[in-house]
Amino acid sequence: MPDSNKNQALDNIKDRERVGTTSRQKQKFMHTIGSKSFACVADEEELSSGQKVGCLQLFNITYTKKDISLMTTEAAKIMKKIKDKRVEYEAIASSGSSVNLHDIDNRIITEVLGPERYGQV
C-alpha cells in the first residue's frame, strides 16, 4: 500500500477517534450493563421476576450500580423527575381521569428524557 494511502487511512482513524471522544464527553450519564443489550437485560429480568419489565423499571435497572446507588448525580436527578412524574400521573389516574395506567411509563420517559431516537429510549 502506498504511503499516501496509509497516511489517509491513519487520518481517517484519528478523525473518527476524535468524534467518538467528543460524543462520549457530551453524555450526561452512562448505563451499568456493559456490552449487554437493553433487550437482553429486560428478558433476564422478566425471567427472574416473572413480570413484564417496563421502560421505567429498565431505566432503573440499567443506571443503578450493584450497591444500589445511581451512576451519577445526573442519573439521580432524572430518577427523581421520573418518580415525581409517576406520582403525578398516579394521582391523576386515581381521580377517575381517563389516563391509561399502562401507557404512563412511556409518557413519563418521553417527558423526562425526550422522544425516542433511533428506536431507543
PDB file of N, CA and C in Angstrom:
ATOM      1  N   MET A   1       0.854  -1.174   0.000  1.00  0.00           N
ATOM      2  CA  MET A   1       0.000   0.000   0.000  1.00  0.00           C
ATOM      3  C   MET A   1       0.903   1.242   0.000  1.00  0.00           C
ATOM      4  N   PRO A   2       0.611   2.186  -0.859  1.00  0.00           N
ATOM      5  CA  PRO A   2       1.426   3.409  -0.906  1.00  0.00           C
ATOM      6  C   PRO A   2       1.311   4.205   0.396  1.00  0.00           C
ATOM      7  N   ASP A   3       2.357   4.953   0.717  1.00  0.00           N
ATOM      8  CA  ASP A   3       2.388   5.749   1.943  1.00  0.00           C
ATOM      9  C   ASP A   3       1.267   6.777   1.998  1.00  0.00           C
ATOM     10  N   SER A   4       0.879   7.321   0.839  1.00  0.00           N
ATOM     11  CA  SER A   4      -0.192   8.320   0.828  1.00  0.00           C
ATOM     12  C   SER A   4      -1.513   7.701   1.294  1.00  0.00           C
ATOM     13  N   ASN A   5      -1.771   6.458   0.879  1.00  0.00           N
ATOM     14  CA  ASN A   5      -2.999   5.777   1.319  1.00  0.00           C
ATOM     15  C   ASN A   5      -2.934   5.454   2.814  1.00  0.00           C
ATOM     16  N   LYS A   6      -1.756   5.060   3.285  1.00  0.00           N
ATOM     17  CA  LYS A   6      -1.591   4.760   4.712  1.00  0.00           C
ATOM     18  C   LYS A   6      -1.831   6.019   5.542  1.00  0.00           C
ATOM     19  N   ASN A   7      -1.280   7.125   5.090  1.00  0.00           N
ATOM     20  CA  ASN A   7      -1.460   8.384   5.823  1.00  0.00           C
ATOM     21  C   ASN A   7      -2.922   8.822   5.827  1.00  0.00           C
ATOM     22  N   GLN A   8      -3.596   8.633   4.696  1.00  0.00           N
ATOM     23  CA  GLN A   8      -5.008   9.000   4.612  1.00  0.00           C
ATOM     24  C   GLN A   8      -5.843   8.107   5.530  1.00  0.00           C
ATOM     25  N   ALA A   9      -5.552   6.812   5.559  1.00  0.00           N
ATOM     26  CA  ALA A   9      -6.270   5.889   6.434  1.00  0.00           C
ATOM     27  C   ALA A   9      -6.031   6.255   7.897  1.00  0.00           C
ATOM     28  N   LEU A  10      -4.805   6.593   8.246  1.00  0.00           N
ATOM     29  CA  LEU A  10      -4.487   6.982   9.614  1.00  0.00           C
ATOM     30  C   LEU A  10      -5.208   8.270   9.999  1.00  0.00           C
ATOM     31  N   ASP A  11      -5.276   9.221   9.080  1.00  0.00           N
ATOM     32  CA  ASP A  11      -6.016  10.467   9.340  1.00  0.00           C
ATOM     33  C   ASP A  11      -7.495  10.190   9.566  1.00  0.00           C
ATOM     34  N   ASN A  12      -8.073   9.278   8.774  1.00  0.00           N
ATOM     35  CA  ASN A  12      -9.490   8.915   8.946  1.00  0.00           C
ATOM     36  C   ASN A  12      -9.726   8.291  10.318  1.00  0.00           C
ATOM     37  N   ILE A  13      -8.812   7.425  10.737  1.00  0.00           N
ATOM     38  CA  ILE A  13      -8.940   6.787  12.051  1.00  0.00           C
ATOM     39  C   ILE A  13      -8.863   7.832  13.151  1.00  0.00           C
ATOM     40  N   LYS A  14      -7.942   8.761  13.044  1.00  0.00           N
ATOM     41  CA  LYS A  14      -7.806   9.811  14.060  1.00  0.00           C
ATOM     42  C   LYS A  14      -9.040  10.707  14.115  1.00  0.00           C
ATOM     43  N   ASP A  15      -9.637  10.983  12.951  1.00  0.00           N
ATOM     44  CA  ASP A  15     -10.858  11.789  12.912  1.00  0.00           C
ATOM     45  C   ASP A  15     -12.001  11.064  13.618  1.00  0.00           C
ATOM     46  N   ARG A  16     -12.154   9.786  13.336  1.00  0.00           N
ATOM     47  CA  ARG A  16     -13.221   9.002  13.973  1.00  0.00           C
ATOM     48  C   ARG A  16     -13.007   8.926  15.486  1.00  0.00           C
ATOM     49  N   GLU A  17     -11.762   8.792  15.897  1.00  0.00           N
ATOM     50  CA  GLU A  17     -11.431   8.745  17.312  1.00  0.00           C
ATOM     51  C   GLU A  17     -11.792  10.065  17.991  1.00  0.00           C
ATOM     52  N   ARG A  18     -11.517  11.166  17.340  1.00  0.00           N
ATOM     53  CA  ARG A  18     -11.823  12.495  17.875  1.00  0.00           C
ATOM     54  C   ARG A  18     -13.341  12.688  17.997  1.00  0.00           C
ATOM     55  N   VAL A  19     -14.079  12.228  16.996  1.00  0.00           N
ATOM     56  CA  VAL A  19     -15.540  12.329  17.032  1.00  0.00           C
ATOM     57  C   VAL A  19     -16.098  11.501  18.181  1.00  0.00           C
ATOM     58  N   GLY A  20     -15.584  10.283  18.354  1.00  0.00           N
ATOM     59  CA  GLY A  20     -16.035   9.424  19.445  1.00  0.00           C
ATOM     60  C   GLY A  20     -15.751  10.022  20.808  1.00  0.00           C
ATOM     61  N   THR A  21     -14.582  10.611  20.958  1.00  0.00           N
ATOM     62  CA  THR A  21     -14.213  11.229  22.230  1.00  0.00           C
ATOM     63  C   THR A  21     -15.145  12.383  22.566  1.00  0.00           C
ATOM     64  N   THR A  22     -15.418  13.253  21.604  1.00  0.00           N
ATOM     65  CA  THR A  22     -16.307  14.383  21.875  1.00  0.00           C
ATOM     66  C   THR A  22     -17.733  13.908  22.148  1.00  0.00           C
ATOM     67  N   SER A  23     -18.180  12.848  21.474  1.00  0.00           N
ATOM     68  CA  SER A  23     -19.526  12.315  21.716  1.00  0.00           C
ATOM     69  C   SER A  23     -19.641  11.771  23.130  1.00  0.00           C
ATOM     70  N   ARG A  24     -18.629  11.029  23.579  1.00  0.00           N
ATOM     71  CA  ARG A  24     -18.665  10.474  24.932  1.00  0.00           C
ATOM     72  C   ARG A  24     -18.640  11.574  25.987  1.00  0.00           C
ATOM     73  N   GLN A  25     -17.950  12.669  25.717  1.00  0.00           N
ATOM     74  CA  GLN A  25     -17.891  13.770  26.677  1.00  0.00           C
ATOM     75  C   GLN A  25     -19.232  14.485  26.804  1.00  0.00           C
ATOM     76  N   LYS A  26     -20.063  14.424  25.781  1.00  0.00           N
ATOM     77  CA  LYS A  26     -21.367  15.072  25.808  1.00  0.00           C
ATOM     78  C   LYS A  26     -22.399  14.259  26.582  1.00  0.00           C
ATOM     79  N   GLN A  27     -22.134  12.970  26.803  1.00  0.00           N
ATOM     80  CA  GLN A  27     -23.090  12.123  27.506  1.00  0.00           C
ATOM     81  C   GLN A  27     -23.209  12.566  28.952  1.00  0.00           C
ATOM     82  N   LYS A  28     -24.447  12.649  29.423  1.00  0.00           N
ATOM     83  CA  LYS A  28     -24.693  13.102  30.783  1.00  0.00           C
ATOM     84  C   LYS A  28     -24.526  11.975  31.789  1.00  0.00           C
ATOM     85  N   PHE A  29     -24.840  10.764  31.396  1.00  0.00           N
ATOM     86  CA  PHE A  29     -24.707   9.618  32.276  1.00  0.00           C
ATOM     87  C   PHE A  29     -24.554   8.357  31.447  1.00  0.00           C
ATOM     88  N   MET A  30     -24.020   7.315  32.081  1.00  0.00           N
ATOM     89  CA  MET A  30     -23.752   6.069  31.380  1.00  0.00           C
ATOM     90  C   MET A  30     -24.511   4.929  32.060  1.00  0.00           C
ATOM     91  N   HIS A  31     -24.838   3.916  31.290  1.00  0.00           N
ATOM     92  CA  HIS A  31     -25.508   2.755  31.864  1.00  0.00           C
ATOM     93  C   HIS A  31     -24.488   1.820  32.493  1.00  0.00           C
ATOM     94  N   THR A  32     -24.967   0.843  33.247  1.00  0.00           N
ATOM     95  CA  THR A  32     -24.089  -0.045  34.010  1.00  0.00           C
ATOM     96  C   THR A  32     -24.084  -1.465  33.475  1.00  0.00           C
ATOM     97  N   ILE A  33     -24.628  -1.704  32.288  1.00  0.00           N
ATOM     98  CA  ILE A  33     -24.798  -3.082  31.830  1.00  0.00           C
ATOM     99  C   ILE A  33     -23.701  -3.562  30.892  1.00  0.00           C
ATOM    100  N   GLY A  34     -22.741  -2.717  30.593  1.00  0.00           N
ATOM    101  CA  GLY A  34     -21.635  -3.143  29.745  1.00  0.00           C
ATOM    102  C   GLY A  34     -22.067  -3.391  28.318  1.00  0.00           C
ATOM    103  N   SER A  35     -21.612  -4.517  27.751  1.00  0.00           N
ATOM    104  CA  SER A  35     -21.891  -4.796  26.344  1.00  0.00           C
ATOM    105  C   SER A  35     -23.221  -5.510  26.136  1.00  0.00           C
ATOM    106  N   LYS A  36     -23.904  -5.818  27.213  1.00  0.00           N
ATOM    107  CA  LYS A  36     -25.196  -6.494  27.116  1.00  0.00           C
ATOM    108  C   LYS A  36     -26.242  -5.531  26.560  1.00  0.00           C
ATOM    109  N   SER A  37     -27.117  -6.002  25.711  1.00  0.00           N
ATOM    110  CA  SER A  37     -28.151  -5.123  25.157  1.00  0.00           C
ATOM    111  C   SER A  37     -29.258  -4.893  26.186  1.00  0.00           C
ATOM    112  N   PHE A  38     -29.969  -3.803  26.014  1.00  0.00           N
ATOM    113  CA  PHE A  38     -31.082  -3.490  26.914  1.00  0.00           C
ATOM    114  C   PHE A  38     -32.156  -4.569  26.811  1.00  0.00           C
ATOM    115  N   ALA A  39     -32.341  -5.110  25.607  1.00  0.00           N
ATOM    116  CA  ALA A  39     -33.339  -6.165  25.411  1.00  0.00           C
ATOM    117  C   ALA A  39     -32.966  -7.417  26.203  1.00  0.00           C
ATOM    118  N   CYS A  40     -31.682  -7.773  26.221  1.00  0.00           N
ATOM    119  CA  CYS A  40     -31.231  -8.938  26.993  1.00  0.00           C
ATOM    120  C   CYS A  40     -31.447  -8.716  28.484  1.00  0.00           C
ATOM    121  N   VAL A  41     -31.156  -7.517  28.948  1.00  0.00           N
ATOM    122  CA  VAL A  41     -31.352  -7.190  30.364  1.00  0.00           C
ATOM    123  C   VAL A  41     -32.834  -7.294  30.714  1.00  0.00           C
ATOM    124  N   ALA A  42     -33.687  -6.769  29.846  1.00  0.00           N
ATOM    125  CA  ALA A  42     -35.136  -6.833  30.090  1.00  0.00           C
ATOM    126  C   ALA A  42     -35.611  -8.282  30.110  1.00  0.00           C
ATOM    127  N   ASP A  43     -35.134  -9.098  29.160  1.00  0.00           N
ATOM    128  CA  ASP A  43     -35.522 -10.514  29.127  1.00  0.00           C
ATOM    129  C   ASP A  43     -35.087 -11.249  30.387  1.00  0.00           C
ATOM    130  N   GLU A  44     -33.854 -11.009  30.840  1.00  0.00           N
ATOM    131  CA  GLU A  44     -33.364 -11.653  32.060  1.00  0.00           C
ATOM    132  C   GLU A  44     -34.198 -11.264  33.268  1.00  0.00           C
ATOM    133  N   GLU A  45     -34.545  -9.988  33.359  1.00  0.00           N
ATOM    134  CA  GLU A  45     -35.352  -9.520  34.483  1.00  0.00           C
ATOM    135  C   GLU A  45     -36.750 -10.128  34.434  1.00  0.00           C
ATOM    136  N   GLU A  46     -37.326 -10.236  33.230  1.00  0.00           N
ATOM    137  CA  GLU A  46     -38.649 -10.844  33.092  1.00  0.00           C
ATOM    138  C   GLU A  46     -38.615 -12.311  33.504  1.00  0.00           C
ATOM    139  N   LEU A  47     -37.543 -13.015  33.139  1.00  0.00           N
ATOM    140  CA  LEU A  47     -37.420 -14.420  33.527  1.00  0.00           C
ATOM    141  C   LEU A  47     -37.272 -14.576  35.033  1.00  0.00           C
ATOM    142  N   SER A  48     -36.483 -13.714  35.652  1.00  0.00           N
ATOM    143  CA  SER A  48     -36.255 -13.847  37.091  1.00  0.00           C
ATOM    144  C   SER A  48     -37.457 -13.396  37.924  1.00  0.00           C
ATOM    145  N   SER A  49     -38.149 -12.349  37.481  1.00  0.00           N
ATOM    146  CA  SER A  49     -39.269 -11.842  38.264  1.00  0.00           C
ATOM    147  C   SER A  49     -40.616 -12.409  37.834  1.00  0.00           C
ATOM    148  N   GLY A  50     -40.701 -12.880  36.597  1.00  0.00           N
ATOM    149  CA  GLY A  50     -41.956 -13.414  36.096  1.00  0.00           C
ATOM    150  C   GLY A  50     -42.936 -12.339  35.652  1.00  0.00           C
ATOM    151  N   GLN A  51     -42.494 -11.082  35.615  1.00  0.00           N
ATOM    152  CA  GLN A  51     -43.357  -9.972  35.211  1.00  0.00           C
ATOM    153  C   GLN A  51     -42.718  -9.207  34.067  1.00  0.00           C
ATOM    154  N   LYS A  52     -43.562  -8.558  33.277  1.00  0.00           N
ATOM    155  CA  LYS A  52     -43.075  -7.736  32.169  1.00  0.00           C
ATOM    156  C   LYS A  52     -42.324  -6.531  32.715  1.00  0.00           C
ATOM    157  N   VAL A  53     -41.203  -6.194  32.080  1.00  0.00           N
ATOM    158  CA  VAL A  53     -40.389  -5.061  32.514  1.00  0.00           C
ATOM    159  C   VAL A  53     -40.754  -3.852  31.671  1.00  0.00           C
ATOM    160  N   GLY A  54     -41.126  -2.757  32.334  1.00  0.00           N
ATOM    161  CA  GLY A  54     -41.475  -1.532  31.635  1.00  0.00           C
ATOM    162  C   GLY A  54     -40.261  -0.642  31.433  1.00  0.00           C
ATOM    163  N   CYS A  55     -40.463   0.442  30.715  1.00  0.00           N
ATOM    164  CA  CYS A  55     -39.374   1.383  30.419  1.00  0.00           C
ATOM    165  C   CYS A  55     -38.758   1.960  31.683  1.00  0.00           C
ATOM    166  N   LEU A  56     -39.595   2.343  32.640  1.00  0.00           N
ATOM    167  CA  LEU A  56     -39.081   2.948  33.865  1.00  0.00           C
ATOM    168  C   LEU A  56     -38.266   1.954  34.682  1.00  0.00           C
ATOM    169  N   GLN A  57     -38.762   0.744  34.769  1.00  0.00           N
ATOM    170  CA  GLN A  57     -38.039  -0.278  35.515  1.00  0.00           C
ATOM    171  C   GLN A  57     -36.710  -0.606  34.828  1.00  0.00           C
ATOM    172  N   LEU A  58     -36.721  -0.663  33.502  1.00  0.00           N
ATOM    173  CA  LEU A  58     -35.499  -0.928  32.755  1.00  0.00           C
ATOM    174  C   LEU A  58     -34.494   0.206  32.945  1.00  0.00           C
ATOM    175  N   PHE A  59     -34.961   1.440  32.947  1.00  0.00           N
ATOM    176  CA  PHE A  59     -34.075   2.582  33.201  1.00  0.00           C
ATOM    177  C   PHE A  59     -33.434   2.449  34.572  1.00  0.00           C
ATOM    178  N   ASN A  60     -34.233   2.110  35.560  1.00  0.00           N
ATOM    179  CA  ASN A  60     -33.732   1.956  36.920  1.00  0.00           C
ATOM    180  C   ASN A  60     -32.687   0.840  37.002  1.00  0.00           C
ATOM    181  N   ILE A  61     -32.931  -0.272  36.347  1.00  0.00           N
ATOM    182  CA  ILE A  61     -32.002  -1.400  36.358  1.00  0.00           C
ATOM    183  C   ILE A  61     -30.686  -1.031  35.690  1.00  0.00           C
ATOM    184  N   THR A  62     -30.763  -0.373  34.551  1.00  0.00           N
ATOM    185  CA  THR A  62     -29.570  -0.139  33.744  1.00  0.00           C
ATOM    186  C   THR A  62     -28.717   1.036  34.203  1.00  0.00           C
ATOM    187  N   TYR A  63     -29.249   1.908  35.043  1.00  0.00           N
ATOM    188  CA  TYR A  63     -28.472   3.054  35.504  1.00  0.00           C
ATOM    189  C   TYR A  63     -28.207   3.014  37.002  1.00  0.00           C
ATOM    190  N   THR A  64     -28.365   1.851  37.611  1.00  0.00           N
ATOM    191  CA  THR A  64     -28.098   1.675  39.028  1.00  0.00           C
ATOM    192  C   THR A  64     -26.938   0.701  39.195  1.00  0.00           C
ATOM    193  N   LYS A  65     -26.005   1.044  40.084  1.00  0.00           N
ATOM    194  CA  LYS A  65     -24.878   0.165  40.365  1.00  0.00           C
ATOM    195  C   LYS A  65     -25.329  -1.011  41.220  1.00  0.00           C
ATOM    196  N   LYS A  66     -24.446  -1.989  41.385  1.00  0.00           N
ATOM    197  CA  LYS A  66     -24.766  -3.158  42.195  1.00  0.00           C
ATOM    198  C   LYS A  66     -25.016  -2.793  43.651  1.00  0.00           C
ATOM    199  N   ASP A  67     -24.370  -1.720  44.137  1.00  0.00           N
ATOM    200  CA  ASP A  67     -24.583  -1.296  45.526  1.00  0.00           C
ATOM    201  C   ASP A  67     -25.828  -0.418  45.673  1.00  0.00           C
ATOM    202  N   ILE A  68     -26.668  -0.388  44.652  1.00  0.00           N
ATOM    203  CA  ILE A  68     -27.960   0.291  44.604  1.00  0.00           C
ATOM    204  C   ILE A  68     -27.839   1.815  44.527  1.00  0.00           C
ATOM    205  N   SER A  69     -26.651   2.338  44.328  1.00  0.00           N
ATOM    206  CA  SER A  69     -26.523   3.780  44.118  1.00  0.00           C
ATOM    207  C   SER A  69     -26.585   4.059  42.615  1.00  0.00           C
ATOM    208  N   LEU A  70     -27.011   5.257  42.259  1.00  0.00           N
ATOM    209  CA  LEU A  70     -27.098   5.620  40.848  1.00  0.00           C
ATOM    210  C   LEU A  70     -25.724   5.994  40.323  1.00  0.00           C
ATOM    211  N   MET A  71     -25.533   5.859  39.022  1.00  0.00           N
ATOM    212  CA  MET A  71     -24.234   6.085  38.399  1.00  0.00           C
ATOM    213  C   MET A  71     -23.699   7.490  38.635  1.00  0.00           C
ATOM    214  N   THR A  72     -24.514   8.496  38.389  1.00  0.00           N
ATOM    215  CA  THR A  72     -24.062   9.880  38.506  1.00  0.00           C
ATOM    216  C   THR A  72     -25.154  10.723  39.155  1.00  0.00           C
ATOM    217  N   THR A  73     -24.799  11.949  39.503  1.00  0.00           N
ATOM    218  CA  THR A  73     -25.814  12.853  40.062  1.00  0.00           C
ATOM    219  C   THR A  73     -26.851  13.196  39.000  1.00  0.00           C
ATOM    220  N   GLU A  74     -26.445  13.222  37.728  1.00  0.00           N
ATOM    221  CA  GLU A  74     -27.398  13.496  36.644  1.00  0.00           C
ATOM    222  C   GLU A  74     -28.444  12.381  36.565  1.00  0.00           C
ATOM    223  N   ALA A  75     -27.994  11.131  36.690  1.00  0.00           N
ATOM    224  CA  ALA A  75     -28.930  10.000  36.683  1.00  0.00           C
ATOM    225  C   ALA A  75     -29.860  10.078  37.891  1.00  0.00           C
ATOM    226  N   ALA A  76     -29.330  10.514  39.034  1.00  0.00           N
ATOM    227  CA  ALA A  76     -30.157  10.665  40.235  1.00  0.00           C
ATOM    228  C   ALA A  76     -31.223  11.736  40.031  1.00  0.00           C
ATOM    229  N   LYS A  77     -30.850  12.850  39.396  1.00  0.00           N
ATOM    230  CA  LYS A  77     -31.818  13.908  39.113  1.00  0.00           C
ATOM    231  C   LYS A  77     -32.923  13.401  38.193  1.00  0.00           C
ATOM    232  N   ILE A  78     -32.546  12.645  37.185  1.00  0.00           N
ATOM    233  CA  ILE A  78     -33.532  12.112  36.247  1.00  0.00           C
ATOM    234  C   ILE A  78     -34.452  11.122  36.944  1.00  0.00           C
ATOM    235  N   MET A  79     -33.904  10.263  37.806  1.00  0.00           N
ATOM    236  CA  MET A  79     -34.744   9.313  38.541  1.00  0.00           C
ATOM    237  C   MET A  79     -35.728  10.053  39.436  1.00  0.00           C
ATOM    238  N   LYS A  80     -35.291  11.146  40.045  1.00  0.00           N
ATOM    239  CA  LYS A  80     -36.202  11.938  40.888  1.00  0.00           C
ATOM    240  C   LYS A  80     -37.327  12.527  40.042  1.00  0.00           C
ATOM    241  N   LYS A  81     -36.995  13.066  38.870  1.00  0.00           N
ATOM    242  CA  LYS A  81     -38.015  13.605  37.977  1.00  0.00           C
ATOM    243  C   LYS A  81     -38.996  12.513  37.563  1.00  0.00           C
ATOM    244  N   ILE A  82     -38.465  11.327  37.266  1.00  0.00           N
ATOM    245  CA  ILE A  82     -39.310  10.206  36.860  1.00  0.00           C
ATOM    246  C   ILE A  82     -40.261   9.825  37.986  1.00  0.00           C
ATOM    247  N   LYS A  83     -39.747   9.726  39.214  1.00  0.00           N
ATOM    248  CA  LYS A  83     -40.592   9.365  40.355  1.00  0.00           C
ATOM    249  C   LYS A  83     -41.661  10.426  40.613  1.00  0.00           C
ATOM    250  N   ASP A  84     -41.276  11.701  40.500  1.00  0.00           N
ATOM    251  CA  ASP A  84     -42.242  12.786  40.693  1.00  0.00           C
ATOM    252  C   ASP A  84     -43.352  12.727  39.650  1.00  0.00           C
ATOM    253  N   LYS A  85     -42.970  12.495  38.387  1.00  0.00           N
ATOM    254  CA  LYS A  85     -43.972  12.390  37.310  1.00  0.00           C
ATOM    255  C   LYS A  85     -44.882  11.199  37.548  1.00  0.00           C
ATOM    256  N   ARG A  86     -44.311  10.085  38.012  1.00  0.00           N
ATOM    257  CA  ARG A  86     -45.114   8.882  38.269  1.00  0.00           C
ATOM    258  C   ARG A  86     -46.165   9.170  39.346  1.00  0.00           C
ATOM    259  N   VAL A  87     -45.760   9.846  40.414  1.00  0.00           N
ATOM    260  CA  VAL A  87     -46.701  10.209  41.485  1.00  0.00           C
ATOM    261  C   VAL A  87     -47.793  11.110  40.921  1.00  0.00           C
ATOM    262  N   GLU A  88     -47.385  12.057  40.088  1.00  0.00           N
ATOM    263  CA  GLU A  88     -48.346  12.986  39.477  1.00  0.00           C
ATOM    264  C   GLU A  88     -49.363  12.232  38.616  1.00  0.00           C
ATOM    265  N   TYR A  89     -48.881  11.331  37.766  1.00  0.00           N
ATOM    266  CA  TYR A  89     -49.797  10.578  36.893  1.00  0.00           C
ATOM    267  C   TYR A  89     -50.672   9.612  37.678  1.00  0.00           C
ATOM    268  N   GLU A  90     -50.134   8.996  38.717  1.00  0.00           N
ATOM    269  CA  GLU A  90     -50.949   8.086  39.532  1.00  0.00           C
ATOM    270  C   GLU A  90     -52.051   8.849  40.253  1.00  0.00           C
ATOM    271  N   ALA A  91     -51.764  10.083  40.677  1.00  0.00           N
ATOM    272  CA  ALA A  91     -52.790  10.908  41.329  1.00  0.00           C
ATOM    273  C   ALA A  91     -53.890  11.259  40.332  1.00  0.00           C
ATOM    274  N   ILE A  92     -53.490  11.570  39.107  1.00  0.00           N
ATOM    275  CA  ILE A  92     -54.473  11.885  38.061  1.00  0.00           C
ATOM    276  C   ILE A  92     -55.322  10.661  37.755  1.00  0.00           C
ATOM    277  N   ALA A  93     -54.677   9.500  37.655  1.00  0.00           N
ATOM    278  CA  ALA A  93     -55.398   8.267  37.330  1.00  0.00           C
ATOM    279  C   ALA A  93     -56.355   7.873  38.449  1.00  0.00           C
ATOM    280  N   SER A  94     -55.948   8.089  39.704  1.00  0.00           N
ATOM    281  CA  SER A  94     -56.812   7.713  40.825  1.00  0.00           C
ATOM    282  C   SER A  94     -58.011   8.638  40.972  1.00  0.00           C
ATOM    283  N   SER A  95     -57.934   9.821  40.370  1.00  0.00           N
ATOM    284  CA  SER A  95     -59.053  10.760  40.472  1.00  0.00           C
ATOM    285  C   SER A  95     -60.137  10.461  39.436  1.00  0.00           C
ATOM    286  N   GLY A  96     -59.996   9.346  38.735  1.00  0.00           N
ATOM    287  CA  GLY A  96     -61.022   8.948  37.783  1.00  0.00           C
ATOM    288  C   GLY A  96     -60.806   9.484  36.392  1.00  0.00           C
ATOM    289  N   SER A  97     -59.653  10.013  36.123  1.00  0.00           N
ATOM    290  CA  SER A  97     -59.344  10.542  34.801  1.00  0.00           C
ATOM    291  C   SER A  97     -59.197   9.398  33.808  1.00  0.00           C
ATOM    292  N   SER A  98     -59.153   9.744  32.549  1.00  0.00           N
ATOM    293  CA  SER A  98     -59.056   8.725  31.505  1.00  0.00           C
ATOM    294  C   SER A  98     -57.608   8.363  31.165  1.00  0.00           C
ATOM    295  N   VAL A  99     -56.690   8.570  32.115  1.00  0.00           N
ATOM    296  CA  VAL A  99     -55.290   8.223  31.888  1.00  0.00           C
ATOM    297  C   VAL A  99     -55.137   6.715  31.962  1.00  0.00           C
ATOM    298  N   ASN A 100     -54.501   6.138  30.952  1.00  0.00           N
ATOM    299  CA  ASN A 100     -54.269   4.704  30.897  1.00  0.00           C
ATOM    300  C   ASN A 100     -53.008   4.389  31.697  1.00  0.00           C
ATOM    301  N   LEU A 101     -53.147   3.601  32.760  1.00  0.00           N
ATOM    302  CA  LEU A 101     -52.005   3.293  33.616  1.00  0.00           C
ATOM    303  C   LEU A 101     -50.895   2.556  32.873  1.00  0.00           C
ATOM    304  N   HIS A 102     -51.241   1.772  31.858  1.00  0.00           N
ATOM    305  CA  HIS A 102     -50.238   1.012  31.111  1.00  0.00           C
ATOM    306  C   HIS A 102     -49.404   1.916  30.208  1.00  0.00           C
ATOM    307  N   ASP A 103     -49.936   3.069  29.873  1.00  0.00           N
ATOM    308  CA  ASP A 103     -49.236   3.991  28.981  1.00  0.00           C
ATOM    309  C   ASP A 103     -48.431   5.042  29.750  1.00  0.00           C
ATOM    310  N   ILE A 104     -48.560   5.058  31.065  1.00  0.00           N
ATOM    311  CA  ILE A 104     -47.908   6.082  31.875  1.00  0.00           C
ATOM    312  C   ILE A 104     -46.389   6.029  31.736  1.00  0.00           C
ATOM    313  N   ASP A 105     -45.813   4.837  31.798  1.00  0.00           N
ATOM    314  CA  ASP A 105     -44.354   4.716  31.723  1.00  0.00           C
ATOM    315  C   ASP A 105     -43.802   5.369  30.469  1.00  0.00           C
ATOM    316  N   ASN A 106     -44.418   5.104  29.329  1.00  0.00           N
ATOM    317  CA  ASN A 106     -43.939   5.684  28.080  1.00  0.00           C
ATOM    318  C   ASN A 106     -44.071   7.201  28.080  1.00  0.00           C
ATOM    319  N   ARG A 107     -45.167   7.702  28.616  1.00  0.00           N
ATOM    320  CA  ARG A 107     -45.354   9.153  28.700  1.00  0.00           C
ATOM    321  C   ARG A 107     -44.298   9.802  29.580  1.00  0.00           C
ATOM    322  N   ILE A 108     -44.042   9.177  30.721  1.00  0.00           N
ATOM    323  CA  ILE A 108     -43.072   9.735  31.664  1.00  0.00           C
ATOM    324  C   ILE A 108     -41.681   9.756  31.038  1.00  0.00           C
ATOM    325  N   ILE A 109     -41.275   8.657  30.435  1.00  0.00           N
ATOM    326  CA  ILE A 109     -39.950   8.588  29.802  1.00  0.00           C
ATOM    327  C   ILE A 109     -39.833   9.652  28.717  1.00  0.00           C
ATOM    328  N   THR A 110     -40.880   9.817  27.916  1.00  0.00           N
ATOM    329  CA  THR A 110     -40.847  10.816  26.847  1.00  0.00           C
ATOM    330  C   THR A 110     -40.765  12.225  27.414  1.00  0.00           C
ATOM    331  N   GLU A 111     -41.509  12.500  28.482  1.00  0.00           N
ATOM    332  CA  GLU A 111     -41.484  13.837  29.076  1.00  0.00           C
ATOM    333  C   GLU A 111     -40.153  14.153  29.739  1.00  0.00           C
ATOM    334  N   VAL A 112     -39.564  13.171  30.410  1.00  0.00           N
ATOM    335  CA  VAL A 112     -38.330  13.417  31.156  1.00  0.00           C
ATOM    336  C   VAL A 112     -37.095  13.342  30.259  1.00  0.00           C
ATOM    337  N   LEU A 113     -37.015  12.312  29.415  1.00  0.00           N
ATOM    338  CA  LEU A 113     -35.820  12.108  28.592  1.00  0.00           C
ATOM    339  C   LEU A 113     -35.960  12.630  27.170  1.00  0.00           C
ATOM    340  N   GLY A 114     -37.184  12.910  26.747  1.00  0.00           N
ATOM    341  CA  GLY A 114     -37.400  13.350  25.379  1.00  0.00           C
ATOM    342  C   GLY A 114     -37.873  12.180  24.527  1.00  0.00           C
ATOM    343  N   PRO A 115     -38.231  12.446  23.285  1.00  0.00           N
ATOM    344  CA  PRO A 115     -38.744  11.378  22.419  1.00  0.00           C
ATOM    345  C   PRO A 115     -37.661  10.360  22.078  1.00  0.00           C
ATOM    346  N   GLU A 116     -38.104   9.176  21.657  1.00  0.00           N
ATOM    347  CA  GLU A 116     -37.169   8.118  21.256  1.00  0.00           C
ATOM    348  C   GLU A 116     -36.345   8.570  20.066  1.00  0.00           C
ATOM    349  N   ARG A 117     -35.111   8.092  20.042  1.00  0.00           N
ATOM    350  CA  ARG A 117     -34.251   8.344  18.891  1.00  0.00           C
ATOM    351  C   ARG A 117     -33.723   7.009  18.420  1.00  0.00           C
ATOM    352  N   TYR A 118     -33.779   6.797  17.144  1.00  0.00           N
ATOM    353  CA  TYR A 118     -33.221   5.582  16.529  1.00  0.00           C
ATOM    354  C   TYR A 118     -33.801   4.317  17.125  1.00  0.00           C
ATOM    355  N   GLY A 119     -35.042   4.348  17.535  1.00  0.00           N
ATOM    356  CA  GLY A 119     -35.685   3.154  18.093  1.00  0.00           C
ATOM    357  C   GLY A 119     -35.301   2.865  19.529  1.00  0.00           C
ATOM    358  N   GLN A 120     -34.592   3.773  20.187  1.00  0.00           N
ATOM    359  CA  GLN A 120     -34.160   3.575  21.563  1.00  0.00           C
ATOM    360  C   GLN A 120     -34.817   4.606  22.448  1.00  0.00           C
ATOM    361  N   VAL A 121     -34.952   4.260  23.718  1.00  0.00           N
ATOM    362  CA  VAL A 121     -35.472   5.209  24.710  1.00  0.00           C
ATOM    363  C   VAL A 121     -34.318   5.911  25.348  1.00  0.00           C
TER     364      VAL A 121
END
